[in-house]
Amino acid sequence: MSAPSPLKIAILASGSGTNAQAIFDKIAAGTLHAQVELVIANRPKAPVLERAQKAGVPTLMLDHTTYPDRETFDQALVDALKQTQTELIVLAGYMRLLTSRFLEAFPGRIINLHPAILPAFPGVHGGADAQAWGVKITGCTVHFVDELVDHGEVIVQAAVPAHPGEPLETLMQRIHALEHRIYPQAIQWFAEKRVQRHNRQVHILPSSKKQLLPNDHWLVWPPLEEGF
């Protein structure tokens, strides 16, 4: 019996592309059974484009400022993605809201990573907002994307301690380290067809893979598995 084909994904990004790099690295290591069909950036000088090119991944830059409105821009995104065999769309630091035109083109096939434990602290400054609130635990969330900001069903969350008075950069380093693990893990669950949704609940079907136990510095649930 032949091995299953890798999950075909596309990445939408706006900035440095560190989470995209984590995905590239896990694919290159053979841990993540996926293939990046296309990386699209909406900013001409976004470093993610160079990262993708170094990884041998096709890229496309669509400058949103050259389109008359959000719907027209999102239709251009849809048209580009429809030219690929993309099965899952991965938002990795993509700093734009998606319109219903885009969401309806890929129902249930768009995921995002947010730097806070949703539903607390949605929006573009999730990590900073959590720290300003004085939380003792914060982290990151992988979730499905719907029409509201950071609102879709939660797939996996990671928690890290937040220490009073520490620099935001230090806290975000801990969060980013977990982002780079839970996002490829979530994509691998999709590749293995283990993600099920029902009434806002996301269930990950069991596997024989060894699970990594939480430690004093982080908690991930559902647990990370060997290789992540």
Protein backbone atom coordinates (compact mmCIF):
# COMPACT_ATOMS: atom_id res chain seq x y z
CA MET A 1 0.00 0.00 0.00
CA SER A 2 1.38 3.38 -0.98
CA ALA A 3 1.91 6.06 1.67
CA PRO A 4 -0.76 8.79 1.87
CA SER A 5 -0.01 11.98 0.00
CA PRO A 6 1.20 14.92 2.08
CA LEU A 7 -1.41 17.47 3.14
CA LYS A 8 -1.29 20.38 0.72
CA ILE A 9 -1.33 23.70 2.53
CA ALA A 10 -1.04 27.37 1.66
CA ILE A 11 0.31 30.01 4.03
CA LEU A 12 -0.92 33.60 4.25
CA ALA A 13 1.45 35.95 6.06
CA SER A 14 2.24 39.62 6.47
CA GLY A 15 5.52 39.81 8.36
CA SER A 16 8.69 38.02 9.41
CA GLY A 17 7.39 34.50 8.89
CA THR A 18 8.83 32.79 11.97
CA ASN A 19 5.83 30.47 12.25
CA ALA A 20 6.03 29.74 8.54
CA GLN A 21 9.70 28.88 9.09
CA ALA A 22 8.74 26.45 11.87
CA ILE A 23 6.40 24.75 9.40
CA PHE A 24 9.11 24.59 6.71
CA ASP A 25 11.55 23.11 9.23
CA LYS A 26 9.16 20.40 10.43
CA ILE A 27 8.39 19.43 6.83
CA ALA A 28 12.11 19.29 6.00
CA ALA A 29 12.73 17.13 9.08
CA GLY A 30 10.06 14.67 7.97
CA THR A 31 7.98 15.26 11.10
CA LEU A 32 5.18 17.17 9.41
CA HIS A 33 3.60 15.29 6.51
CA ALA A 34 2.62 18.34 4.48
CA GLN A 35 3.56 20.22 1.35
CA VAL A 36 3.39 24.01 1.08
CA GLU A 37 1.77 24.79 -2.24
CA LEU A 38 2.09 28.56 -1.98
CA VAL A 39 3.03 31.37 0.40
CA ILE A 40 1.14 34.61 -0.15
CA ALA A 41 2.18 37.88 1.49
CA ASN A 42 0.23 41.11 1.36
CA ARG A 43 3.26 43.34 2.00
CA PRO A 44 5.95 43.77 -0.69
CA LYS A 45 8.96 43.46 1.64
CA ALA A 46 7.61 40.87 4.05
CA PRO A 47 10.58 38.69 5.14
CA VAL A 48 8.38 35.59 4.93
CA LEU A 49 8.78 35.74 1.14
CA GLU A 50 12.55 35.31 1.41
CA ARG A 51 12.14 32.50 3.94
CA ALA A 52 9.80 30.68 1.58
CA GLN A 53 12.09 31.12 -1.39
CA LYS A 54 15.02 29.69 0.60
CA ALA A 55 12.83 26.71 1.45
CA GLY A 56 12.00 26.19 -2.22
CA VAL A 57 8.36 27.16 -1.74
CA PRO A 58 6.44 29.10 -4.42
CA THR A 59 5.55 32.65 -3.39
CA LEU A 60 3.15 35.36 -4.43
CA MET A 61 2.99 38.97 -3.27
CA LEU A 62 -0.38 40.68 -3.52
CA ASP A 63 -0.19 44.23 -2.20
CA HIS A 64 -3.57 44.91 -0.61
CA THR A 65 -3.09 48.67 -0.97
CA THR A 66 -3.43 48.38 -4.74
CA TYR A 67 -6.99 46.99 -4.52
CA PRO A 68 -10.09 49.20 -4.17
CA ASP A 69 -11.63 47.26 -1.26
CA ARG A 70 -11.34 44.15 0.90
CA GLU A 71 -13.70 42.07 -1.21
CA THR A 72 -11.73 42.68 -4.40
CA PHE A 73 -8.46 41.85 -2.69
CA ASP A 74 -9.85 38.69 -1.12
CA GLN A 75 -11.20 37.58 -4.49
CA ALA A 76 -7.66 37.91 -5.86
CA LEU A 77 -6.48 35.68 -3.02
CA VAL A 78 -9.20 33.14 -3.78
CA ASP A 79 -8.32 33.13 -7.47
CA ALA A 80 -4.64 32.51 -6.69
CA LEU A 81 -5.36 29.72 -4.22
CA LYS A 82 -7.81 28.02 -6.57
CA GLN A 83 -4.91 27.56 -8.98
CA THR A 84 -3.26 25.26 -6.42
CA GLN A 85 -4.31 21.98 -4.83
CA THR A 86 -4.49 23.54 -1.37
CA GLU A 87 -6.45 21.54 1.20
CA LEU A 88 -5.79 23.72 4.27
CA ILE A 89 -5.09 27.44 4.53
CA VAL A 90 -2.75 28.46 7.34
CA LEU A 91 -2.67 32.06 8.55
CA ALA A 92 0.77 32.81 9.96
CA GLY A 93 0.97 36.39 11.15
CA TYR A 94 -1.54 37.46 8.52
CA MET A 95 -2.63 40.90 9.68
CA ARG A 96 -5.89 41.31 7.78
CA LEU A 97 -9.47 40.30 8.46
CA LEU A 98 -10.87 37.87 5.92
CA THR A 99 -14.15 38.73 4.23
CA SER A 100 -17.08 36.39 3.80
CA ARG A 101 -16.05 36.05 0.15
CA PHE A 102 -12.85 34.33 1.22
CA LEU A 103 -14.37 32.31 4.06
CA GLU A 104 -17.14 30.94 1.86
CA ALA A 105 -14.59 29.82 -0.73
CA PHE A 106 -12.80 27.58 1.81
CA PRO A 107 -15.34 26.57 4.47
CA GLY A 108 -13.81 24.79 7.45
CA ARG A 109 -10.38 24.85 5.83
CA ILE A 110 -8.77 27.95 7.38
CA ILE A 111 -6.85 28.02 10.65
CA ASN A 112 -5.05 30.74 12.58
CA LEU A 113 -2.59 31.11 15.43
CA HIS A 114 -3.21 33.74 18.13
CA PRO A 115 -0.70 34.80 20.85
CA ALA A 116 -3.08 34.51 23.81
CA ILE A 117 -5.38 31.94 25.37
CA LEU A 118 -8.70 32.59 23.66
CA PRO A 119 -11.38 33.72 24.21
CA ALA A 120 -9.38 36.15 26.39
CA PHE A 121 -7.47 38.95 24.66
CA PRO A 122 -8.43 38.66 21.00
CA GLY A 123 -7.08 41.12 18.46
CA VAL A 124 -3.69 42.16 17.16
CA HIS A 125 -2.11 42.86 20.57
CA GLY A 126 -3.13 39.68 22.40
CA GLY A 127 0.18 39.12 24.19
CA ALA A 128 0.61 42.74 25.25
CA ASP A 129 -3.01 42.99 26.35
CA ALA A 130 -2.68 39.88 28.52
CA GLN A 131 0.45 41.23 30.18
CA ALA A 132 -1.12 44.65 30.75
CA TRP A 133 -4.08 42.93 32.45
CA GLY A 134 -1.68 41.29 34.88
CA VAL A 135 -2.45 37.66 34.08
CA LYS A 136 -0.36 34.94 35.70
CA ILE A 137 -0.80 32.49 32.82
CA THR A 138 -0.98 33.27 29.12
CA GLY A 139 -0.01 31.50 25.93
CA CYS A 140 -1.27 30.84 22.41
CA THR A 141 -4.17 29.24 20.55
CA VAL A 142 -4.63 27.50 17.21
CA HIS A 143 -8.22 27.88 16.06
CA PHE A 144 -10.51 27.69 13.07
CA VAL A 145 -11.26 31.00 11.37
CA ASP A 146 -14.79 32.35 11.09
CA GLU A 147 -16.33 35.75 10.39
CA LEU A 148 -15.46 37.19 13.82
CA VAL A 149 -12.03 38.17 15.17
CA ASP A 150 -10.25 35.25 16.87
CA HIS A 151 -13.58 33.53 17.43
CA GLY A 152 -13.50 30.15 15.68
CA GLU A 153 -13.34 26.78 17.44
CA VAL A 154 -10.19 26.06 19.44
CA ILE A 155 -7.98 23.24 18.16
CA VAL A 156 -5.06 23.36 20.61
CA GLN A 157 -3.80 25.78 23.26
CA ALA A 158 -0.48 26.25 25.05
CA ALA A 159 -0.03 27.98 28.41
CA VAL A 160 3.10 29.58 29.84
CA PRO A 161 3.69 31.51 33.08
CA ALA A 162 3.64 35.32 32.99
CA HIS A 163 5.99 36.91 35.52
CA PRO A 164 5.15 40.34 37.00
CA GLY A 165 7.42 43.10 35.74
CA GLU A 166 9.21 41.11 33.06
CA PRO A 167 9.77 42.71 29.65
CA LEU A 168 7.07 41.96 27.10
CA GLU A 169 9.76 40.66 24.74
CA THR A 170 10.76 38.00 27.30
CA LEU A 171 7.18 36.84 27.71
CA MET A 172 6.63 36.76 23.96
CA GLN A 173 9.76 34.64 23.49
CA ARG A 174 8.18 31.95 25.66
CA ILE A 175 4.92 32.22 23.75
CA HIS A 176 6.62 32.11 20.36
CA ALA A 177 8.57 28.98 21.34
CA LEU A 178 5.26 27.19 21.94
CA GLU A 179 3.67 28.68 18.81
CA HIS A 180 6.42 27.05 16.76
CA ARG A 181 5.45 23.68 18.23
CA ILE A 182 1.66 23.72 18.42
CA TYR A 183 1.07 25.09 14.92
CA PRO A 184 2.96 22.33 13.07
CA GLN A 185 1.38 19.81 15.46
CA ALA A 186 -2.12 21.02 14.61
CA ILE A 187 -1.35 20.81 10.88
CA GLN A 188 -0.09 17.26 11.36
CA TRP A 189 -3.40 16.32 13.00
CA PHE A 190 -5.12 17.58 9.85
CA ALA A 191 -2.68 15.59 7.72
CA GLU A 192 -3.65 12.48 9.69
CA LYS A 193 -7.37 13.31 9.39
CA ARG A 194 -7.75 13.29 13.16
CA VAL A 195 -9.55 16.64 13.58
CA GLN A 196 -13.29 16.49 14.17
CA ARG A 197 -15.68 19.42 14.87
CA HIS A 198 -19.06 19.36 16.56
CA ASN A 199 -20.98 22.20 18.24
CA ARG A 200 -17.88 24.36 18.83
CA GLN A 201 -16.00 21.36 20.19
CA VAL A 202 -12.89 20.13 18.38
CA HIS A 203 -11.86 16.54 19.05
CA ILE A 204 -8.49 15.05 18.11
CA LEU A 205 -8.86 11.36 17.38
CA PRO A 206 -6.47 9.14 19.38
CA SER A 207 -3.18 7.84 18.06
CA SER A 208 -0.53 5.37 19.14
CA LYS A 209 2.06 8.16 19.13
CA LYS A 210 3.83 8.98 22.38
CA GLN A 211 2.47 12.13 24.03
CA LEU A 212 4.80 14.70 25.59
CA LEU A 213 3.95 15.41 29.22
CA PRO A 214 3.58 19.02 30.48
CA ASN A 215 6.42 20.45 32.57
CA ASP A 216 6.90 23.42 34.89
CA HIS A 217 7.29 25.85 32.01
CA TRP A 218 4.43 24.99 29.68
CA LEU A 219 1.18 23.11 29.31
CA VAL A 220 -0.25 22.12 25.92
CA TRP A 221 -3.67 20.58 25.46
CA PRO A 222 -4.39 18.37 23.62
CA PRO A 223 -0.83 17.19 24.32
CA LEU A 224 2.00 17.54 21.87
CA GLU A 225 3.13 14.28 20.33
CA GLU A 226 6.58 12.88 19.68
CA GLY A 227 8.50 15.01 17.17
CA PHE A 228 6.82 18.28 18.15
